[in-house]
Amino acid sequence: MVTMTRKRNQRSRPASVALHTALLVAAAVAVFPPLWLLVTSFKPKNDAFTTGLVTDFTFANYTHVLADTEFLTWFQNSVIIVGLTTVLGVFIAATTGYAVSRFRFPGMRPLMWLLLITQMFPVAVLIVPLYNLLASLGLLNQPAGLVITYLTIAVPFCAWMMKGFFDTIPVEIDEAGRVDGLNPFGTFWRLVLPLARPGLAVTGFYTFVTAWAEVAYASAFMTGEENLTLAGGLQTFVNQYTNDWGSMTAAAVIIAVPAALVFAFAQRHLVAGLTAGTTKG
């Protein structure tokens, strides 16, 4: 019986070959664009559109981006805006998700629907009203304006996600905290939040990527090279007036490094949190 079950679960050789071939093709399709971006960044500007590999290896594009442009200023602006967005976004989403998961209050259901509906509006529809709102508040060309804008994007989705994580944490933990004399926020901060580390990791990564890779709002709300973020600064390399693909690819590679590091950090903590949650009693 065991032998028959094992044979039934085994794939045939043609099916196995087809499956591995499909996986290899999918991996090649996924890896090719960033790999080609990396290769192009080391080519001289005149060879940017050639289809061959690097024949004249050079760091000139990276040197030009770092020394002759406002890239470091854009990087600093992005770090400030993204850092504030990530910290505030994770805190607001976690507290909102916990409140909706644990408490029942008037207007809770409309609030959850409102958080969901805000995700249905495309960026093009929201740019004009947000621009007018920020202009009336004097927040155009201000980091705070972009931080508020990015929070409106990230917090609704992350609050829904955090509610799902908190729903999986037993309510008895809250009750034990109250027995020990903790107030609701103390229970949340000291007992429940550490158990939601996987959710915090995913929420932090999503909020980071939302702010780090966003282009439309950054281009519309920030003007002047000294105020641009990295996403807006990239557009200065290739537009209707210039066509510097070598510098753009080099800048894109540099921009991708922090995102890759944050992803690795979030992934490590996500796996560690899930493992800890299954092994601790």
C-alpha atoms as a PDB file:
ATOM      1  CA  MET A   1       0.000   0.000   0.000  1.00  0.00           C
ATOM      2  CA  VAL A   2       2.832   2.392   0.878  1.00  0.00           C
ATOM      3  CA  THR A   3       4.550   1.598  -2.416  1.00  0.00           C
ATOM      4  CA  MET A   4       1.366   2.210  -4.407  1.00  0.00           C
ATOM      5  CA  THR A   5       0.793   5.566  -2.639  1.00  0.00           C
ATOM      6  CA  ARG A   6       4.388   6.636  -3.272  1.00  0.00           C
ATOM      7  CA  LYS A   7       4.110   5.731  -6.950  1.00  0.00           C
ATOM      8  CA  ARG A   8       0.796   7.578  -7.240  1.00  0.00           C
ATOM      9  CA  ASN A   9       2.379  10.753  -5.816  1.00  0.00           C
ATOM     10  CA  GLN A  10       5.450  10.611  -8.069  1.00  0.00           C
ATOM     11  CA  ARG A  11       5.484  12.687 -11.238  1.00  0.00           C
ATOM     12  CA  SER A  12       6.263  11.159 -14.555  1.00  0.00           C
ATOM     13  CA  ARG A  13       9.571  12.115 -16.172  1.00  0.00           C
ATOM     14  CA  PRO A  14       7.943  14.273 -18.916  1.00  0.00           C
ATOM     15  CA  ALA A  15       5.877  16.132 -16.292  1.00  0.00           C
ATOM     16  CA  SER A  16       8.957  16.724 -14.146  1.00  0.00           C
ATOM     17  CA  VAL A  17      10.935  17.999 -17.132  1.00  0.00           C
ATOM     18  CA  ALA A  18       8.090  20.309 -18.166  1.00  0.00           C
ATOM     19  CA  LEU A  19       7.741  21.651 -14.623  1.00  0.00           C
ATOM     20  CA  HIS A  20      11.452  22.392 -14.236  1.00  0.00           C
ATOM     21  CA  THR A  21      11.603  23.934 -17.691  1.00  0.00           C
ATOM     22  CA  ALA A  22       8.705  26.252 -16.853  1.00  0.00           C
ATOM     23  CA  LEU A  23      10.381  27.232 -13.559  1.00  0.00           C
ATOM     24  CA  LEU A  24      13.676  27.970 -15.317  1.00  0.00           C
ATOM     25  CA  VAL A  25      11.938  30.100 -17.952  1.00  0.00           C
ATOM     26  CA  ALA A  26      10.009  32.021 -15.294  1.00  0.00           C
ATOM     27  CA  ALA A  27      13.211  32.594 -13.299  1.00  0.00           C
ATOM     28  CA  ALA A  28      15.038  33.820 -16.407  1.00  0.00           C
ATOM     29  CA  VAL A  29      12.220  36.238 -17.243  1.00  0.00           C
ATOM     30  CA  ALA A  30      12.240  37.597 -13.679  1.00  0.00           C
ATOM     31  CA  VAL A  31      16.026  37.938 -13.435  1.00  0.00           C
ATOM     32  CA  PHE A  32      16.728  39.341 -16.912  1.00  0.00           C
ATOM     33  CA  PRO A  33      15.548  42.990 -16.410  1.00  0.00           C
ATOM     34  CA  PRO A  34      17.547  43.716 -13.212  1.00  0.00           C
ATOM     35  CA  LEU A  35      20.539  41.809 -14.578  1.00  0.00           C
ATOM     36  CA  TRP A  36      20.486  43.815 -17.809  1.00  0.00           C
ATOM     37  CA  LEU A  37      20.112  47.027 -15.791  1.00  0.00           C
ATOM     38  CA  LEU A  38      23.234  46.092 -13.830  1.00  0.00           C
ATOM     39  CA  VAL A  39      25.193  45.245 -16.988  1.00  0.00           C
ATOM     40  CA  THR A  40      24.195  48.507 -18.689  1.00  0.00           C
ATOM     41  CA  SER A  41      25.300  50.557 -15.690  1.00  0.00           C
ATOM     42  CA  PHE A  42      28.902  49.430 -16.265  1.00  0.00           C
ATOM     43  CA  LYS A  43      28.905  50.270 -19.982  1.00  0.00           C
ATOM     44  CA  PRO A  44      30.166  53.563 -21.448  1.00  0.00           C
ATOM     45  CA  LYS A  45      27.360  55.948 -22.349  1.00  0.00           C
ATOM     46  CA  ASN A  46      27.851  55.339 -26.074  1.00  0.00           C
ATOM     47  CA  ASP A  47      27.317  51.590 -25.584  1.00  0.00           C
ATOM     48  CA  ALA A  48      24.153  51.840 -23.473  1.00  0.00           C
ATOM     49  CA  PHE A  49      21.908  50.531 -26.264  1.00  0.00           C
ATOM     50  CA  THR A  50      24.224  47.763 -27.478  1.00  0.00           C
ATOM     51  CA  THR A  51      22.951  44.223 -27.014  1.00  0.00           C
ATOM     52  CA  GLY A  52      26.287  42.709 -26.061  1.00  0.00           C
ATOM     53  CA  LEU A  53      27.794  42.287 -22.636  1.00  0.00           C
ATOM     54  CA  VAL A  54      30.293  44.720 -21.142  1.00  0.00           C
ATOM     55  CA  THR A  55      33.306  45.081 -23.442  1.00  0.00           C
ATOM     56  CA  ASP A  56      34.718  48.263 -21.900  1.00  0.00           C
ATOM     57  CA  PHE A  57      34.039  47.984 -18.147  1.00  0.00           C
ATOM     58  CA  THR A  58      33.774  51.372 -16.444  1.00  0.00           C
ATOM     59  CA  PHE A  59      32.605  53.002 -13.205  1.00  0.00           C
ATOM     60  CA  ALA A  60      32.158  56.354 -14.969  1.00  0.00           C
ATOM     61  CA  ASN A  61      28.382  56.271 -14.671  1.00  0.00           C
ATOM     62  CA  TYR A  62      28.518  55.713 -10.907  1.00  0.00           C
ATOM     63  CA  THR A  63      31.198  58.388 -10.479  1.00  0.00           C
ATOM     64  CA  HIS A  64      29.128  60.880 -12.454  1.00  0.00           C
ATOM     65  CA  VAL A  65      25.958  60.137 -10.474  1.00  0.00           C
ATOM     66  CA  LEU A  66      27.621  60.448  -7.071  1.00  0.00           C
ATOM     67  CA  ALA A  67      29.949  63.372  -7.807  1.00  0.00           C
ATOM     68  CA  ASP A  68      28.298  65.522 -10.467  1.00  0.00           C
ATOM     69  CA  THR A  69      24.586  65.344  -9.624  1.00  0.00           C
ATOM     70  CA  GLU A  70      22.347  65.986  -6.621  1.00  0.00           C
ATOM     71  CA  PHE A  71      21.992  62.247  -6.035  1.00  0.00           C
ATOM     72  CA  LEU A  72      23.236  62.355  -2.430  1.00  0.00           C
ATOM     73  CA  THR A  73      20.744  65.139  -1.668  1.00  0.00           C
ATOM     74  CA  TRP A  74      17.952  63.063  -3.202  1.00  0.00           C
ATOM     75  CA  PHE A  75      19.114  60.081  -1.184  1.00  0.00           C
ATOM     76  CA  GLN A  76      19.043  62.087   2.038  1.00  0.00           C
ATOM     77  CA  ASN A  77      15.561  63.402   1.262  1.00  0.00           C
ATOM     78  CA  SER A  78      14.315  59.881   0.561  1.00  0.00           C
ATOM     79  CA  VAL A  79      15.826  58.436   3.729  1.00  0.00           C
ATOM     80  CA  ILE A  80      14.152  61.120   5.874  1.00  0.00           C
ATOM     81  CA  ILE A  81      10.760  60.779   4.180  1.00  0.00           C
ATOM     82  CA  VAL A  82      10.801  56.986   3.986  1.00  0.00           C
ATOM     83  CA  GLY A  83      12.071  56.614   7.554  1.00  0.00           C
ATOM     84  CA  LEU A  84       9.322  58.814   8.975  1.00  0.00           C
ATOM     85  CA  THR A  85       6.703  57.117   6.807  1.00  0.00           C
ATOM     86  CA  THR A  86       7.788  53.636   7.880  1.00  0.00           C
ATOM     87  CA  VAL A  87       7.913  54.390  11.613  1.00  0.00           C
ATOM     88  CA  LEU A  88       4.624  56.286  11.677  1.00  0.00           C
ATOM     89  CA  GLY A  89       2.947  53.863   9.275  1.00  0.00           C
ATOM     90  CA  VAL A  90       3.830  50.786  11.317  1.00  0.00           C
ATOM     91  CA  PHE A  91       2.731  52.443  14.577  1.00  0.00           C
ATOM     92  CA  ILE A  92      -0.575  53.751  13.216  1.00  0.00           C
ATOM     93  CA  ALA A  93      -1.379  50.509  11.379  1.00  0.00           C
ATOM     94  CA  ALA A  94      -0.532  48.382  14.423  1.00  0.00           C
ATOM     95  CA  THR A  95      -2.594  50.450  16.855  1.00  0.00           C
ATOM     96  CA  THR A  96      -5.507  50.660  14.410  1.00  0.00           C
ATOM     97  CA  GLY A  97      -5.411  46.937  13.675  1.00  0.00           C
ATOM     98  CA  TYR A  98      -5.265  46.105  17.386  1.00  0.00           C
ATOM     99  CA  ALA A  99      -8.165  48.421  18.229  1.00  0.00           C
ATOM    100  CA  VAL A 100     -10.366  46.949  15.504  1.00  0.00           C
ATOM    101  CA  SER A 101      -9.375  43.391  16.437  1.00  0.00           C
ATOM    102  CA  ARG A 102      -9.952  43.683  20.180  1.00  0.00           C
ATOM    103  CA  PHE A 103     -12.587  46.366  20.750  1.00  0.00           C
ATOM    104  CA  ARG A 104     -16.142  46.877  19.569  1.00  0.00           C
ATOM    105  CA  PHE A 105     -17.185  50.507  19.152  1.00  0.00           C
ATOM    106  CA  PRO A 106     -19.758  52.479  17.158  1.00  0.00           C
ATOM    107  CA  GLY A 107     -18.694  52.978  13.564  1.00  0.00           C
ATOM    108  CA  MET A 108     -16.183  50.122  13.542  1.00  0.00           C
ATOM    109  CA  ARG A 109     -17.631  48.419  10.475  1.00  0.00           C
ATOM    110  CA  PRO A 110     -17.873  51.660   8.436  1.00  0.00           C
ATOM    111  CA  LEU A 111     -14.280  52.395   9.454  1.00  0.00           C
ATOM    112  CA  MET A 112     -13.072  49.066   8.092  1.00  0.00           C
ATOM    113  CA  TRP A 113     -15.016  49.594   4.885  1.00  0.00           C
ATOM    114  CA  LEU A 114     -13.546  53.085   4.588  1.00  0.00           C
ATOM    115  CA  LEU A 115     -10.031  51.684   4.930  1.00  0.00           C
ATOM    116  CA  LEU A 116     -10.814  49.194   2.172  1.00  0.00           C
ATOM    117  CA  ILE A 117     -12.479  51.687  -0.175  1.00  0.00           C
ATOM    118  CA  THR A 118      -9.532  54.094  -0.020  1.00  0.00           C
ATOM    119  CA  GLN A 119      -7.436  51.462  -1.795  1.00  0.00           C
ATOM    120  CA  MET A 120      -9.746  51.489  -4.830  1.00  0.00           C
ATOM    121  CA  PHE A 121      -8.905  54.995  -6.061  1.00  0.00           C
ATOM    122  CA  PRO A 122      -6.134  55.229  -8.683  1.00  0.00           C
ATOM    123  CA  VAL A 123      -3.246  57.636  -8.178  1.00  0.00           C
ATOM    124  CA  ALA A 124      -4.280  59.809 -11.125  1.00  0.00           C
ATOM    125  CA  VAL A 125      -7.619  60.584  -9.478  1.00  0.00           C
ATOM    126  CA  LEU A 126      -6.070  61.557  -6.145  1.00  0.00           C
ATOM    127  CA  ILE A 127      -3.173  63.749  -7.299  1.00  0.00           C
ATOM    128  CA  VAL A 128      -5.231  66.904  -7.901  1.00  0.00           C
ATOM    129  CA  PRO A 129      -7.250  66.899  -4.635  1.00  0.00           C
ATOM    130  CA  LEU A 130      -4.165  65.983  -2.616  1.00  0.00           C
ATOM    131  CA  TYR A 131      -2.166  68.695  -4.362  1.00  0.00           C
ATOM    132  CA  ASN A 132      -4.817  71.306  -3.535  1.00  0.00           C
ATOM    133  CA  LEU A 133      -5.024  70.088   0.062  1.00  0.00           C
ATOM    134  CA  LEU A 134      -1.261  70.204   0.584  1.00  0.00           C
ATOM    135  CA  ALA A 135      -1.087  73.633  -1.085  1.00  0.00           C
ATOM    136  CA  SER A 136      -3.739  75.003   1.268  1.00  0.00           C
ATOM    137  CA  LEU A 137      -1.767  73.645   4.244  1.00  0.00           C
ATOM    138  CA  GLY A 138       1.564  74.964   2.951  1.00  0.00           C
ATOM    139  CA  LEU A 139       3.026  71.460   2.683  1.00  0.00           C
ATOM    140  CA  LEU A 140       4.111  71.453  -0.967  1.00  0.00           C
ATOM    141  CA  ASN A 141       7.865  70.973  -1.332  1.00  0.00           C
ATOM    142  CA  GLN A 142       7.903  69.841   2.298  1.00  0.00           C
ATOM    143  CA  PRO A 143       8.903  66.339   3.476  1.00  0.00           C
ATOM    144  CA  ALA A 144       5.889  66.318   5.813  1.00  0.00           C
ATOM    145  CA  GLY A 145       3.575  66.611   2.811  1.00  0.00           C
ATOM    146  CA  LEU A 146       4.961  63.465   1.185  1.00  0.00           C
ATOM    147  CA  VAL A 147       4.972  61.611   4.509  1.00  0.00           C
ATOM    148  CA  ILE A 148       1.270  62.344   5.006  1.00  0.00           C
ATOM    149  CA  THR A 149       0.530  61.341   1.415  1.00  0.00           C
ATOM    150  CA  TYR A 150       2.375  58.033   1.715  1.00  0.00           C
ATOM    151  CA  LEU A 151       0.648  57.274   5.004  1.00  0.00           C
ATOM    152  CA  THR A 152      -2.716  57.580   3.266  1.00  0.00           C
ATOM    153  CA  ILE A 153      -1.543  54.872   0.873  1.00  0.00           C
ATOM    154  CA  ALA A 154       0.112  52.450   3.275  1.00  0.00           C
ATOM    155  CA  VAL A 155      -1.893  52.673   6.504  1.00  0.00           C
ATOM    156  CA  PRO A 156      -5.310  51.410   5.267  1.00  0.00           C
ATOM    157  CA  PHE A 157      -3.914  48.219   3.763  1.00  0.00           C
ATOM    158  CA  CYS A 158      -1.484  47.634   6.632  1.00  0.00           C
ATOM    159  CA  ALA A 159      -4.237  48.175   9.222  1.00  0.00           C
ATOM    160  CA  TRP A 160      -6.298  45.440   7.581  1.00  0.00           C
ATOM    161  CA  MET A 161      -3.266  43.169   7.525  1.00  0.00           C
ATOM    162  CA  MET A 162      -2.364  43.837  11.166  1.00  0.00           C
ATOM    163  CA  LYS A 163      -5.957  43.134  12.217  1.00  0.00           C
ATOM    164  CA  GLY A 164      -5.563  39.688  10.694  1.00  0.00           C
ATOM    165  CA  PHE A 165      -2.372  39.071  12.675  1.00  0.00           C
ATOM    166  CA  PHE A 166      -3.919  40.270  15.937  1.00  0.00           C
ATOM    167  CA  ASP A 167      -6.964  38.060  15.341  1.00  0.00           C
ATOM    168  CA  THR A 168      -4.654  35.027  15.496  1.00  0.00           C
ATOM    169  CA  ILE A 169      -3.277  36.022  18.923  1.00  0.00           C
ATOM    170  CA  PRO A 170      -5.414  34.577  21.768  1.00  0.00           C
ATOM    171  CA  VAL A 171      -7.524  37.086  23.683  1.00  0.00           C
ATOM    172  CA  GLU A 172      -6.469  35.337  26.882  1.00  0.00           C
ATOM    173  CA  ILE A 173      -3.131  37.139  26.612  1.00  0.00           C
ATOM    174  CA  ASP A 174      -4.931  40.478  26.923  1.00  0.00           C
ATOM    175  CA  GLU A 175      -6.901  39.188  29.865  1.00  0.00           C
ATOM    176  CA  ALA A 176      -3.698  38.044  31.585  1.00  0.00           C
ATOM    177  CA  GLY A 177      -2.236  41.508  31.092  1.00  0.00           C
ATOM    178  CA  ARG A 178      -5.235  43.157  32.684  1.00  0.00           C
ATOM    179  CA  VAL A 179      -5.017  40.758  35.623  1.00  0.00           C
ATOM    180  CA  ASP A 180      -1.389  41.834  36.073  1.00  0.00           C
ATOM    181  CA  GLY A 181      -2.496  45.469  36.244  1.00  0.00           C
ATOM    182  CA  LEU A 182      -1.600  46.614  32.719  1.00  0.00           C
ATOM    183  CA  ASN A 183      -3.781  49.165  30.957  1.00  0.00           C
ATOM    184  CA  PRO A 184      -4.921  48.441  27.367  1.00  0.00           C
ATOM    185  CA  PHE A 185      -1.930  50.197  25.801  1.00  0.00           C
ATOM    186  CA  GLY A 186       0.478  48.462  28.173  1.00  0.00           C
ATOM    187  CA  THR A 187      -1.021  45.115  27.245  1.00  0.00           C
ATOM    188  CA  PHE A 188      -0.717  45.952  23.568  1.00  0.00           C
ATOM    189  CA  TRP A 189       2.864  47.239  23.826  1.00  0.00           C
ATOM    190  CA  ARG A 190       4.353  44.688  26.207  1.00  0.00           C
ATOM    191  CA  LEU A 191       2.459  41.466  25.501  1.00  0.00           C
ATOM    192  CA  VAL A 192       0.641  41.487  22.161  1.00  0.00           C
ATOM    193  CA  LEU A 193       2.997  43.475  19.932  1.00  0.00           C
ATOM    194  CA  PRO A 194       6.027  41.166  20.410  1.00  0.00           C
ATOM    195  CA  LEU A 195       3.880  38.251  19.246  1.00  0.00           C
ATOM    196  CA  ALA A 196       2.974  40.131  16.079  1.00  0.00           C
ATOM    197  CA  ARG A 197       6.570  40.468  14.846  1.00  0.00           C
ATOM    198  CA  PRO A 198       5.832  38.747  11.517  1.00  0.00           C
ATOM    199  CA  GLY A 199       3.053  41.236  10.843  1.00  0.00           C
ATOM    200  CA  LEU A 200       5.240  44.162  11.870  1.00  0.00           C
ATOM    201  CA  ALA A 201       7.995  42.974   9.538  1.00  0.00           C
ATOM    202  CA  VAL A 202       5.648  42.699   6.567  1.00  0.00           C
ATOM    203  CA  THR A 203       3.967  46.005   7.424  1.00  0.00           C
ATOM    204  CA  GLY A 204       7.297  47.773   7.732  1.00  0.00           C
ATOM    205  CA  PHE A 205       8.518  46.360   4.424  1.00  0.00           C
ATOM    206  CA  TYR A 206       5.310  47.265   2.588  1.00  0.00           C
ATOM    207  CA  THR A 207       5.364  50.808   3.981  1.00  0.00           C
ATOM    208  CA  PHE A 208       9.033  51.192   3.078  1.00  0.00           C
ATOM    209  CA  VAL A 209       8.535  50.011  -0.497  1.00  0.00           C
ATOM    210  CA  THR A 210       5.445  52.201  -0.903  1.00  0.00           C
ATOM    211  CA  ALA A 211       7.445  55.320  -0.073  1.00  0.00           C
ATOM    212  CA  TRP A 212      10.810  54.290  -1.574  1.00  0.00           C
ATOM    213  CA  ALA A 213       9.529  53.367  -5.027  1.00  0.00           C
ATOM    214  CA  GLU A 214       6.697  55.899  -5.420  1.00  0.00           C
ATOM    215  CA  VAL A 215       7.086  58.291  -8.365  1.00  0.00           C
ATOM    216  CA  ALA A 216       3.814  60.093  -9.168  1.00  0.00           C
ATOM    217  CA  TYR A 217       3.283  61.956  -5.898  1.00  0.00           C
ATOM    218  CA  ALA A 218       6.996  62.675  -5.444  1.00  0.00           C
ATOM    219  CA  SER A 219       7.152  64.261  -8.904  1.00  0.00           C
ATOM    220  CA  ALA A 220       3.946  66.273  -8.492  1.00  0.00           C
ATOM    221  CA  PHE A 221       4.446  67.575  -4.951  1.00  0.00           C
ATOM    222  CA  MET A 222       8.210  68.213  -4.925  1.00  0.00           C
ATOM    223  CA  THR A 223       9.970  70.611  -7.314  1.00  0.00           C
ATOM    224  CA  GLY A 224      13.528  71.851  -7.483  1.00  0.00           C
ATOM    225  CA  GLU A 225      16.461  69.436  -7.481  1.00  0.00           C
ATOM    226  CA  GLU A 226      17.249  70.131  -3.823  1.00  0.00           C
ATOM    227  CA  ASN A 227      13.768  68.905  -2.815  1.00  0.00           C
ATOM    228  CA  LEU A 228      13.474  65.807  -5.012  1.00  0.00           C
ATOM    229  CA  THR A 229      13.482  62.257  -3.744  1.00  0.00           C
ATOM    230  CA  LEU A 230      15.309  59.442  -5.517  1.00  0.00           C
ATOM    231  CA  ALA A 231      12.243  58.493  -7.560  1.00  0.00           C
ATOM    232  CA  GLY A 232      11.844  62.064  -8.772  1.00  0.00           C
ATOM    233  CA  GLY A 233      15.569  62.524  -9.304  1.00  0.00           C
ATOM    234  CA  LEU A 234      15.750  59.560 -11.676  1.00  0.00           C
ATOM    235  CA  GLN A 235      13.550  61.432 -14.129  1.00  0.00           C
ATOM    236  CA  THR A 236      16.175  64.149 -14.527  1.00  0.00           C
ATOM    237  CA  PHE A 237      18.463  61.705 -16.334  1.00  0.00           C
ATOM    238  CA  VAL A 238      16.000  60.734 -19.068  1.00  0.00           C
ATOM    239  CA  ASN A 239      13.381  63.268 -20.153  1.00  0.00           C
ATOM    240  CA  GLN A 240      12.514  65.429 -23.131  1.00  0.00           C
ATOM    241  CA  TYR A 241      15.755  67.399 -22.726  1.00  0.00           C
ATOM    242  CA  THR A 242      18.337  64.757 -21.799  1.00  0.00           C
ATOM    243  CA  ASN A 243      18.920  61.095 -22.566  1.00  0.00           C
ATOM    244  CA  ASP A 244      21.542  59.790 -20.129  1.00  0.00           C
ATOM    245  CA  TRP A 245      20.686  56.109 -19.819  1.00  0.00           C
ATOM    246  CA  GLY A 246      24.070  55.194 -18.355  1.00  0.00           C
ATOM    247  CA  SER A 247      23.601  57.493 -15.366  1.00  0.00           C
ATOM    248  CA  MET A 248      19.998  56.407 -14.938  1.00  0.00           C
ATOM    249  CA  THR A 249      20.882  52.710 -14.800  1.00  0.00           C
ATOM    250  CA  ALA A 250      23.714  53.387 -12.339  1.00  0.00           C
ATOM    251  CA  ALA A 251      21.405  55.426 -10.111  1.00  0.00           C
ATOM    252  CA  ALA A 252      18.730  52.713 -10.320  1.00  0.00           C
ATOM    253  CA  VAL A 253      21.225  50.073  -9.181  1.00  0.00           C
ATOM    254  CA  ILE A 254      22.257  52.198  -6.193  1.00  0.00           C
ATOM    255  CA  ILE A 255      18.615  52.812  -5.300  1.00  0.00           C
ATOM    256  CA  ALA A 256      17.865  49.077  -5.425  1.00  0.00           C
ATOM    257  CA  VAL A 257      20.530  48.229  -2.827  1.00  0.00           C
ATOM    258  CA  PRO A 258      18.712  49.698   0.241  1.00  0.00           C
ATOM    259  CA  ALA A 259      15.453  48.077  -0.883  1.00  0.00           C
ATOM    260  CA  ALA A 260      17.187  44.694  -1.144  1.00  0.00           C
ATOM    261  CA  LEU A 261      18.739  45.122   2.312  1.00  0.00           C
ATOM    262  CA  VAL A 262      15.396  46.039   3.877  1.00  0.00           C
ATOM    263  CA  PHE A 263      13.782  43.030   2.202  1.00  0.00           C
ATOM    264  CA  ALA A 264      16.480  40.721   3.567  1.00  0.00           C
ATOM    265  CA  PHE A 265      16.031  42.213   7.048  1.00  0.00           C
ATOM    266  CA  ALA A 266      12.241  41.871   6.954  1.00  0.00           C
ATOM    267  CA  GLN A 267      12.416  38.330   5.601  1.00  0.00           C
ATOM    268  CA  ARG A 268      14.809  37.237   8.345  1.00  0.00           C
ATOM    269  CA  HIS A 269      12.623  38.674  11.090  1.00  0.00           C
ATOM    270  CA  LEU A 270       9.476  37.249   9.530  1.00  0.00           C
ATOM    271  CA  VAL A 271      10.877  33.715   9.551  1.00  0.00           C
ATOM    272  CA  ALA A 272      12.322  34.176  13.047  1.00  0.00           C
ATOM    273  CA  GLY A 273       9.005  35.447  14.376  1.00  0.00           C
ATOM    274  CA  LEU A 274       7.037  32.565  12.914  1.00  0.00           C
ATOM    275  CA  THR A 275       9.537  30.036  14.272  1.00  0.00           C
ATOM    276  CA  ALA A 276       9.471  31.596  17.736  1.00  0.00           C
ATOM    277  CA  GLY A 277       5.679  31.575  17.752  1.00  0.00           C
ATOM    278  CA  THR A 278       5.577  27.827  17.031  1.00  0.00           C
ATOM    279  CA  THR A 279       8.206  26.780  19.549  1.00  0.00           C
ATOM    280  CA  LYS A 280       7.271  28.832  22.608  1.00  0.00           C
ATOM    281  CA  GLY A 281       4.484  27.618  24.799  1.00  0.00           C
END
